[in-house]
Amino acid sequence: MNDALGSVQSALILGGGSDIALATARALVRSRCRTVVLAGRDPESFAPAAKELLALGATTVECVEFDALALDTHAAFVASVHERFGDIDLGLVAFGVLGDQDVAEEDAREALRIVETNFTGAVSVLVPLAQTMRRQGHGRIVVLSSVAGERARKSNFVYGSSKAGLDAFCQGLGDSLLGSGVRIVIVRPGFVHTKMTEGMAPAPMSIEADAVADAIVAGLGRGSETIWAPSQLRFVMSALRHIPRPVFRRLPL
């Protein structure tokens, strides 16, 4: 359960090796989160992060294996985490791949890898996680969407469509959980300087992973259902959504 000040006490971080995930874990621990479960394909590599979180004040940090594409394991995985660590106050769905757009346009296997990781894998674990929290009677699930999902662009429409699907699913899931004590929080970052974007030309209003983490923690404190990072992107994307398609397709996006 959250503490008397409303702070998260336990967090399950899916995609625990990503820069945004680890930045958010640090921010949560600074805000009095005490149990952190870092989950990903290579949990042994999380050891330095676990040590850092313990130094920041966490009392329990566990590194466990989780594969977004091992769909038939997800329900048992969520059940195992709940059995071992008790109620999950917050789940962060932070895994995903950018993929190679050029390859994906020619090779359906690459397109499917992107979509299955970012959308199908997320849906597969979100359903049992939401149901577990429903039985608890409380919890928040923070899902990393993207501004790329707001409107598909020719330069990254495979990644963008996978995030658009995830975003829409989470909006509906959140509405279905009304009154259960469980809330879905959708995060829509712009360009973030991370390992995933290394070597790419940064887009306007690009930010660091720590800034996304700070926005998430601040949004949780406000009770936000949608978090833009940076916040100005809300207005930029609102404008882009309404540009006529014949004009939009000519933009260098």
C-alpha atoms as a PDB file:
ATOM      1  CA  MET A   1       0.000   0.000   0.000  1.00  0.00           C
ATOM      2  CA  ASN A   2       1.022   3.637  -0.429  1.00  0.00           C
ATOM      3  CA  ASP A   3       2.337   5.201   2.778  1.00  0.00           C
ATOM      4  CA  ALA A   4       0.560   7.845   4.847  1.00  0.00           C
ATOM      5  CA  LEU A   5       1.866  10.574   2.554  1.00  0.00           C
ATOM      6  CA  GLY A   6       0.605   8.806  -0.560  1.00  0.00           C
ATOM      7  CA  SER A   7       4.021   7.610  -1.721  1.00  0.00           C
ATOM      8  CA  VAL A   8       4.419   4.330  -3.595  1.00  0.00           C
ATOM      9  CA  GLN A   9       5.928   1.624  -1.366  1.00  0.00           C
ATOM     10  CA  SER A  10       6.486  -1.127  -3.946  1.00  0.00           C
ATOM     11  CA  ALA A  11       7.146  -0.985  -7.675  1.00  0.00           C
ATOM     12  CA  LEU A  12       7.422  -3.593 -10.412  1.00  0.00           C
ATOM     13  CA  ILE A  13       9.566  -2.229 -13.244  1.00  0.00           C
ATOM     14  CA  LEU A  14       9.112  -4.116 -16.520  1.00  0.00           C
ATOM     15  CA  GLY A  15      11.997  -3.341 -18.839  1.00  0.00           C
ATOM     16  CA  GLY A  16      14.172  -2.674 -15.830  1.00  0.00           C
ATOM     17  CA  GLY A  17      17.322  -2.102 -17.856  1.00  0.00           C
ATOM     18  CA  SER A  18      16.044   0.846 -19.878  1.00  0.00           C
ATOM     19  CA  ASP A  19      17.332   4.324 -19.103  1.00  0.00           C
ATOM     20  CA  ILE A  20      13.859   5.732 -18.442  1.00  0.00           C
ATOM     21  CA  ALA A  21      12.943   2.771 -16.239  1.00  0.00           C
ATOM     22  CA  LEU A  22      16.038   3.118 -14.087  1.00  0.00           C
ATOM     23  CA  ALA A  23      15.691   6.894 -13.844  1.00  0.00           C
ATOM     24  CA  THR A  24      12.091   6.401 -12.706  1.00  0.00           C
ATOM     25  CA  ALA A  25      13.123   3.745 -10.192  1.00  0.00           C
ATOM     26  CA  ARG A  26      15.645   6.176  -8.699  1.00  0.00           C
ATOM     27  CA  ALA A  27      13.042   8.939  -8.536  1.00  0.00           C
ATOM     28  CA  LEU A  28      10.533   6.616  -6.867  1.00  0.00           C
ATOM     29  CA  VAL A  29      13.046   5.513  -4.243  1.00  0.00           C
ATOM     30  CA  ARG A  30      13.884   9.143  -3.501  1.00  0.00           C
ATOM     31  CA  SER A  31      10.136   9.565  -2.956  1.00  0.00           C
ATOM     32  CA  ARG A  32      10.156   6.768  -0.325  1.00  0.00           C
ATOM     33  CA  CYS A  33       9.482   3.694  -2.455  1.00  0.00           C
ATOM     34  CA  ARG A  34      11.101   0.833  -0.542  1.00  0.00           C
ATOM     35  CA  THR A  35      10.595  -2.364  -2.594  1.00  0.00           C
ATOM     36  CA  VAL A  36      11.660  -2.434  -6.237  1.00  0.00           C
ATOM     37  CA  VAL A  37      11.482  -5.406  -8.596  1.00  0.00           C
ATOM     38  CA  LEU A  38      13.564  -4.879 -11.740  1.00  0.00           C
ATOM     39  CA  ALA A  39      12.395  -7.254 -14.461  1.00  0.00           C
ATOM     40  CA  GLY A  40      13.966  -7.871 -17.860  1.00  0.00           C
ATOM     41  CA  ARG A  41      15.658 -10.343 -20.161  1.00  0.00           C
ATOM     42  CA  ASP A  42      19.079 -10.014 -18.510  1.00  0.00           C
ATOM     43  CA  PRO A  43      18.460  -9.539 -14.781  1.00  0.00           C
ATOM     44  CA  GLU A  44      22.105 -10.180 -13.894  1.00  0.00           C
ATOM     45  CA  SER A  45      23.025  -6.957 -15.671  1.00  0.00           C
ATOM     46  CA  PHE A  46      20.809  -5.014 -13.262  1.00  0.00           C
ATOM     47  CA  ALA A  47      23.145  -5.630 -10.312  1.00  0.00           C
ATOM     48  CA  PRO A  48      24.785  -2.153 -10.412  1.00  0.00           C
ATOM     49  CA  ALA A  49      21.356  -0.501 -10.580  1.00  0.00           C
ATOM     50  CA  ALA A  50      20.131  -2.604  -7.661  1.00  0.00           C
ATOM     51  CA  LYS A  51      23.127  -1.555  -5.597  1.00  0.00           C
ATOM     52  CA  GLU A  52      22.466   2.100  -6.414  1.00  0.00           C
ATOM     53  CA  LEU A  53      18.794   1.848  -5.438  1.00  0.00           C
ATOM     54  CA  LEU A  54      19.692   0.258  -2.112  1.00  0.00           C
ATOM     55  CA  ALA A  55      22.154   3.077  -1.470  1.00  0.00           C
ATOM     56  CA  LEU A  56      19.402   5.599  -2.196  1.00  0.00           C
ATOM     57  CA  GLY A  57      17.173   4.077   0.483  1.00  0.00           C
ATOM     58  CA  ALA A  58      15.359   1.077  -0.942  1.00  0.00           C
ATOM     59  CA  THR A  59      15.145  -1.817   1.506  1.00  0.00           C
ATOM     60  CA  THR A  60      14.491  -4.561  -1.052  1.00  0.00           C
ATOM     61  CA  VAL A  61      15.622  -4.667  -4.679  1.00  0.00           C
ATOM     62  CA  GLU A  62      15.151  -7.880  -6.633  1.00  0.00           C
ATOM     63  CA  CYS A  63      16.215  -8.549 -10.219  1.00  0.00           C
ATOM     64  CA  VAL A  64      14.034 -11.090 -12.023  1.00  0.00           C
ATOM     65  CA  GLU A  65      13.731 -12.444 -15.537  1.00  0.00           C
ATOM     66  CA  PHE A  66      10.993 -11.195 -17.837  1.00  0.00           C
ATOM     67  CA  ASP A  67      10.718 -11.538 -21.613  1.00  0.00           C
ATOM     68  CA  ALA A  68       8.134  -9.377 -23.356  1.00  0.00           C
ATOM     69  CA  LEU A  69       7.842 -11.911 -26.173  1.00  0.00           C
ATOM     70  CA  ALA A  70       7.343 -14.962 -23.928  1.00  0.00           C
ATOM     71  CA  LEU A  71       3.614 -14.353 -23.887  1.00  0.00           C
ATOM     72  CA  ASP A  72       2.620 -17.645 -22.290  1.00  0.00           C
ATOM     73  CA  THR A  73       4.700 -16.833 -19.188  1.00  0.00           C
ATOM     74  CA  HIS A  74       3.243 -13.434 -18.341  1.00  0.00           C
ATOM     75  CA  ALA A  75       0.292 -14.440 -16.170  1.00  0.00           C
ATOM     76  CA  ALA A  76       2.464 -16.771 -14.081  1.00  0.00           C
ATOM     77  CA  PHE A  77       5.142 -14.083 -13.850  1.00  0.00           C
ATOM     78  CA  VAL A  78       2.740 -11.516 -12.394  1.00  0.00           C
ATOM     79  CA  ALA A  79       1.327 -14.089  -9.973  1.00  0.00           C
ATOM     80  CA  SER A  80       4.843 -15.010  -8.844  1.00  0.00           C
ATOM     81  CA  VAL A  81       5.822 -11.400  -8.175  1.00  0.00           C
ATOM     82  CA  HIS A  82       2.663 -10.825  -6.171  1.00  0.00           C
ATOM     83  CA  GLU A  83       3.173 -14.018  -4.187  1.00  0.00           C
ATOM     84  CA  ARG A  84       6.798 -13.190  -3.370  1.00  0.00           C
ATOM     85  CA  PHE A  85       6.525  -9.469  -2.628  1.00  0.00           C
ATOM     86  CA  GLY A  86       2.908  -8.842  -1.760  1.00  0.00           C
ATOM     87  CA  ASP A  87       0.760  -6.043  -3.127  1.00  0.00           C
ATOM     88  CA  ILE A  88       2.171  -4.151  -6.095  1.00  0.00           C
ATOM     89  CA  ASP A  89       1.543  -0.442  -5.593  1.00  0.00           C
ATOM     90  CA  LEU A  90       2.903   0.554  -8.987  1.00  0.00           C
ATOM     91  CA  GLY A  91       3.735  -1.257 -12.193  1.00  0.00           C
ATOM     92  CA  LEU A  92       5.861   0.485 -14.808  1.00  0.00           C
ATOM     93  CA  VAL A  93       5.667  -0.904 -18.348  1.00  0.00           C
ATOM     94  CA  ALA A  94       8.878   0.489 -19.794  1.00  0.00           C
ATOM     95  CA  PHE A  95      10.062  -2.130 -22.263  1.00  0.00           C
ATOM     96  CA  GLY A  96      10.034  -1.547 -26.005  1.00  0.00           C
ATOM     97  CA  VAL A  97      12.106  -1.384 -29.164  1.00  0.00           C
ATOM     98  CA  LEU A  98      12.500   1.363 -31.722  1.00  0.00           C
ATOM     99  CA  GLY A  99      13.427  -1.076 -34.473  1.00  0.00           C
ATOM    100  CA  ASP A 100      14.645  -0.270 -37.952  1.00  0.00           C
ATOM    101  CA  GLN A 101      11.958   1.467 -39.998  1.00  0.00           C
ATOM    102  CA  ASP A 102      13.761   0.976 -43.309  1.00  0.00           C
ATOM    103  CA  VAL A 103      14.124  -2.747 -42.712  1.00  0.00           C
ATOM    104  CA  ALA A 104      10.557  -3.043 -41.428  1.00  0.00           C
ATOM    105  CA  GLU A 105       9.187  -1.570 -44.648  1.00  0.00           C
ATOM    106  CA  GLU A 106      10.823  -4.413 -46.587  1.00  0.00           C
ATOM    107  CA  ASP A 107      10.823  -7.272 -44.098  1.00  0.00           C
ATOM    108  CA  ALA A 108       7.635  -8.172 -42.272  1.00  0.00           C
ATOM    109  CA  ARG A 109       9.633 -10.036 -39.624  1.00  0.00           C
ATOM    110  CA  GLU A 110      11.167  -6.770 -38.404  1.00  0.00           C
ATOM    111  CA  ALA A 111       7.790  -5.026 -38.467  1.00  0.00           C
ATOM    112  CA  LEU A 112       6.283  -7.867 -36.434  1.00  0.00           C
ATOM    113  CA  ARG A 113       9.169  -7.810 -33.946  1.00  0.00           C
ATOM    114  CA  ILE A 114       8.480  -4.144 -33.237  1.00  0.00           C
ATOM    115  CA  VAL A 115       4.716  -4.553 -32.969  1.00  0.00           C
ATOM    116  CA  GLU A 116       4.861  -7.768 -30.938  1.00  0.00           C
ATOM    117  CA  THR A 117       7.278  -6.247 -28.433  1.00  0.00           C
ATOM    118  CA  ASN A 118       5.714  -2.813 -28.044  1.00  0.00           C
ATOM    119  CA  PHE A 119       2.038  -3.740 -28.345  1.00  0.00           C
ATOM    120  CA  THR A 120       1.320  -7.467 -28.079  1.00  0.00           C
ATOM    121  CA  GLY A 121       3.862  -8.085 -25.312  1.00  0.00           C
ATOM    122  CA  ALA A 122       2.603  -5.101 -23.353  1.00  0.00           C
ATOM    123  CA  VAL A 123      -1.049  -6.142 -23.669  1.00  0.00           C
ATOM    124  CA  SER A 124      -0.127  -9.676 -22.622  1.00  0.00           C
ATOM    125  CA  VAL A 125       1.323  -8.540 -19.304  1.00  0.00           C
ATOM    126  CA  LEU A 126      -1.037  -5.610 -18.717  1.00  0.00           C
ATOM    127  CA  VAL A 127      -4.113  -7.829 -18.507  1.00  0.00           C
ATOM    128  CA  PRO A 128      -2.896 -10.042 -15.619  1.00  0.00           C
ATOM    129  CA  LEU A 129      -1.231  -7.082 -13.902  1.00  0.00           C
ATOM    130  CA  ALA A 130      -4.451  -5.060 -13.994  1.00  0.00           C
ATOM    131  CA  GLN A 131      -6.484  -8.023 -12.728  1.00  0.00           C
ATOM    132  CA  THR A 132      -4.032  -8.630  -9.887  1.00  0.00           C
ATOM    133  CA  MET A 133      -4.321  -4.993  -8.837  1.00  0.00           C
ATOM    134  CA  ARG A 134      -8.102  -5.164  -9.148  1.00  0.00           C
ATOM    135  CA  ARG A 135      -8.105  -8.024  -6.630  1.00  0.00           C
ATOM    136  CA  GLN A 136      -5.817  -5.975  -4.374  1.00  0.00           C
ATOM    137  CA  GLY A 137      -8.239  -3.083  -4.619  1.00  0.00           C
ATOM    138  CA  HIS A 138      -5.524  -0.559  -5.413  1.00  0.00           C
ATOM    139  CA  GLY A 139      -2.561   0.195  -7.652  1.00  0.00           C
ATOM    140  CA  ARG A 140      -1.340   2.296 -10.534  1.00  0.00           C
ATOM    141  CA  ILE A 141       0.108   1.127 -13.813  1.00  0.00           C
ATOM    142  CA  VAL A 142       2.364   3.580 -15.624  1.00  0.00           C
ATOM    143  CA  VAL A 143       2.769   2.810 -19.317  1.00  0.00           C
ATOM    144  CA  LEU A 144       5.382   4.387 -21.557  1.00  0.00           C
ATOM    145  CA  SER A 145       3.620   5.334 -24.757  1.00  0.00           C
ATOM    146  CA  SER A 146       5.108   7.958 -27.100  1.00  0.00           C
ATOM    147  CA  VAL A 147       4.207  11.095 -29.001  1.00  0.00           C
ATOM    148  CA  ALA A 148       4.991   8.934 -32.052  1.00  0.00           C
ATOM    149  CA  GLY A 149       1.685   7.201 -31.405  1.00  0.00           C
ATOM    150  CA  GLU A 150      -0.304  10.413 -31.664  1.00  0.00           C
ATOM    151  CA  ARG A 151      -0.151  10.425 -35.455  1.00  0.00           C
ATOM    152  CA  ALA A 152       1.708   7.950 -37.665  1.00  0.00           C
ATOM    153  CA  ARG A 153       4.572   9.574 -39.546  1.00  0.00           C
ATOM    154  CA  LYS A 154       6.176   8.158 -42.653  1.00  0.00           C
ATOM    155  CA  SER A 155       9.606   8.160 -41.008  1.00  0.00           C
ATOM    156  CA  ASN A 156       8.630   5.800 -38.156  1.00  0.00           C
ATOM    157  CA  PHE A 157       5.096   4.550 -38.743  1.00  0.00           C
ATOM    158  CA  VAL A 158       5.830   0.984 -37.600  1.00  0.00           C
ATOM    159  CA  TYR A 159       7.043   2.094 -34.176  1.00  0.00           C
ATOM    160  CA  GLY A 160       4.390   4.830 -34.074  1.00  0.00           C
ATOM    161  CA  SER A 161       1.557   2.440 -34.859  1.00  0.00           C
ATOM    162  CA  SER A 162       2.699   0.036 -32.153  1.00  0.00           C
ATOM    163  CA  LYS A 163       2.595   2.864 -29.619  1.00  0.00           C
ATOM    164  CA  ALA A 164      -0.731   4.119 -30.948  1.00  0.00           C
ATOM    165  CA  GLY A 165      -2.238   0.693 -30.345  1.00  0.00           C
ATOM    166  CA  LEU A 166      -0.765   0.530 -26.854  1.00  0.00           C
ATOM    167  CA  ASP A 167      -1.995   4.027 -26.027  1.00  0.00           C
ATOM    168  CA  ALA A 168      -5.537   3.250 -27.181  1.00  0.00           C
ATOM    169  CA  PHE A 169      -5.593  -0.062 -25.316  1.00  0.00           C
ATOM    170  CA  CYS A 170      -4.475   1.616 -22.096  1.00  0.00           C
ATOM    171  CA  GLN A 171      -7.069   4.361 -22.380  1.00  0.00           C
ATOM    172  CA  GLY A 172      -9.791   1.731 -22.655  1.00  0.00           C
ATOM    173  CA  LEU A 173      -8.263  -0.387 -19.913  1.00  0.00           C
ATOM    174  CA  GLY A 174      -8.142   2.611 -17.626  1.00  0.00           C
ATOM    175  CA  ASP A 175     -11.808   3.369 -18.265  1.00  0.00           C
ATOM    176  CA  SER A 176     -12.745  -0.265 -17.575  1.00  0.00           C
ATOM    177  CA  LEU A 177     -11.034  -0.076 -14.185  1.00  0.00           C
ATOM    178  CA  LEU A 178     -13.017   2.922 -12.986  1.00  0.00           C
ATOM    179  CA  GLY A 179     -14.114   2.382  -9.395  1.00  0.00           C
ATOM    180  CA  SER A 180     -11.737  -0.537  -8.800  1.00  0.00           C
ATOM    181  CA  GLY A 181      -9.024   1.454  -7.055  1.00  0.00           C
ATOM    182  CA  VAL A 182      -6.667   0.818  -9.994  1.00  0.00           C
ATOM    183  CA  ARG A 183      -5.587   3.564 -12.372  1.00  0.00           C
ATOM    184  CA  ILE A 184      -3.697   3.572 -15.657  1.00  0.00           C
ATOM    185  CA  VAL A 185      -1.252   6.413 -16.274  1.00  0.00           C
ATOM    186  CA  ILE A 186      -0.125   6.955 -19.873  1.00  0.00           C
ATOM    187  CA  VAL A 187       3.218   8.679 -20.428  1.00  0.00           C
ATOM    188  CA  ARG A 188       3.896  10.285 -23.811  1.00  0.00           C
ATOM    189  CA  PRO A 189       7.539  11.321 -24.067  1.00  0.00           C
ATOM    190  CA  GLY A 190       9.060  13.000 -27.071  1.00  0.00           C
ATOM    191  CA  PHE A 191      12.659  12.392 -28.097  1.00  0.00           C
ATOM    192  CA  VAL A 192      14.591  11.167 -25.063  1.00  0.00           C
ATOM    193  CA  HIS A 193      18.375  10.874 -24.968  1.00  0.00           C
ATOM    194  CA  THR A 194      18.839   7.176 -24.135  1.00  0.00           C
ATOM    195  CA  LYS A 195      20.717   4.124 -25.346  1.00  0.00           C
ATOM    196  CA  MET A 196      17.822   3.483 -27.736  1.00  0.00           C
ATOM    197  CA  THR A 197      18.209   6.851 -29.478  1.00  0.00           C
ATOM    198  CA  GLU A 198      21.998   7.031 -29.347  1.00  0.00           C
ATOM    199  CA  GLY A 199      23.416   8.229 -32.665  1.00  0.00           C
ATOM    200  CA  MET A 200      20.121   9.728 -33.833  1.00  0.00           C
ATOM    201  CA  ALA A 201      19.677  13.428 -34.528  1.00  0.00           C
ATOM    202  CA  PRO A 202      17.647  14.810 -31.608  1.00  0.00           C
ATOM    203  CA  ALA A 203      14.217  16.247 -32.307  1.00  0.00           C
ATOM    204  CA  PRO A 204      13.134  19.650 -30.990  1.00  0.00           C
ATOM    205  CA  MET A 205      12.293  19.696 -27.264  1.00  0.00           C
ATOM    206  CA  SER A 206      14.397  16.579 -26.640  1.00  0.00           C
ATOM    207  CA  ILE A 207      14.965  15.733 -22.981  1.00  0.00           C
ATOM    208  CA  GLU A 208      16.937  13.416 -20.706  1.00  0.00           C
ATOM    209  CA  ALA A 209      15.630  10.261 -19.047  1.00  0.00           C
ATOM    210  CA  ASP A 210      15.790  11.926 -15.626  1.00  0.00           C
ATOM    211  CA  ALA A 211      13.382  14.617 -16.845  1.00  0.00           C
ATOM    212  CA  VAL A 212      10.879  11.948 -17.912  1.00  0.00           C
ATOM    213  CA  ALA A 213      11.238  10.283 -14.503  1.00  0.00           C
ATOM    214  CA  ASP A 214      10.645  13.582 -12.710  1.00  0.00           C
ATOM    215  CA  ALA A 215       7.545  14.184 -14.853  1.00  0.00           C
ATOM    216  CA  ILE A 216       6.229  10.728 -13.961  1.00  0.00           C
ATOM    217  CA  VAL A 217       6.675  11.199 -10.222  1.00  0.00           C
ATOM    218  CA  ALA A 218       5.160  14.685 -10.370  1.00  0.00           C
ATOM    219  CA  GLY A 219       2.229  13.364 -12.417  1.00  0.00           C
ATOM    220  CA  LEU A 220       1.641  10.561  -9.925  1.00  0.00           C
ATOM    221  CA  GLY A 221       1.528  13.153  -7.175  1.00  0.00           C
ATOM    222  CA  ARG A 222      -1.096  15.160  -9.097  1.00  0.00           C
ATOM    223  CA  GLY A 223      -3.171  12.094  -9.908  1.00  0.00           C
ATOM    224  CA  SER A 224      -2.656  12.609 -13.651  1.00  0.00           C
ATOM    225  CA  GLU A 225      -3.939  10.068 -16.144  1.00  0.00           C
ATOM    226  CA  THR A 226      -1.767  11.377 -18.993  1.00  0.00           C
ATOM    227  CA  ILE A 227       1.758  12.738 -18.680  1.00  0.00           C
ATOM    228  CA  TRP A 228       3.540  14.545 -21.503  1.00  0.00           C
ATOM    229  CA  ALA A 229       7.306  14.892 -21.347  1.00  0.00           C
ATOM    230  CA  PRO A 230       8.023  17.691 -21.877  1.00  0.00           C
ATOM    231  CA  SER A 231       4.605  19.164 -21.125  1.00  0.00           C
ATOM    232  CA  GLN A 232       4.698  21.505 -24.153  1.00  0.00           C
ATOM    233  CA  LEU A 233       4.288  18.508 -26.455  1.00  0.00           C
ATOM    234  CA  ARG A 234       0.603  18.362 -25.516  1.00  0.00           C
ATOM    235  CA  PHE A 235       0.035  21.528 -27.559  1.00  0.00           C
ATOM    236  CA  VAL A 236       2.404  20.588 -30.392  1.00  0.00           C
ATOM    237  CA  MET A 237       0.712  17.246 -30.944  1.00  0.00           C
ATOM    238  CA  SER A 238      -2.734  18.790 -30.673  1.00  0.00           C
ATOM    239  CA  ALA A 239      -1.808  21.007 -33.624  1.00  0.00           C
ATOM    240  CA  LEU A 240      -0.221  18.193 -35.629  1.00  0.00           C
ATOM    241  CA  ARG A 241      -3.286  15.974 -35.224  1.00  0.00           C
ATOM    242  CA  HIS A 242      -5.400  18.535 -37.067  1.00  0.00           C
ATOM    243  CA  ILE A 243      -3.149  19.187 -40.049  1.00  0.00           C
ATOM    244  CA  PRO A 244      -4.865  17.903 -43.228  1.00  0.00           C
ATOM    245  CA  ARG A 245      -3.309  14.665 -44.404  1.00  0.00           C
ATOM    246  CA  PRO A 246      -2.212  15.973 -47.841  1.00  0.00           C
ATOM    247  CA  VAL A 247      -0.257  18.676 -46.011  1.00  0.00           C
ATOM    248  CA  PHE A 248       0.970  16.397 -43.229  1.00  0.00           C
ATOM    249  CA  ARG A 249       2.517  13.858 -45.605  1.00  0.00           C
ATOM    250  CA  ARG A 250       4.691  16.599 -47.144  1.00  0.00           C
ATOM    251  CA  LEU A 251       6.156  17.655 -43.816  1.00  0.00           C
ATOM    252  CA  PRO A 252       9.740  16.513 -43.049  1.00  0.00           C
ATOM    253  CA  LEU A 253       8.643  14.328 -40.140  1.00  0.00           C
END
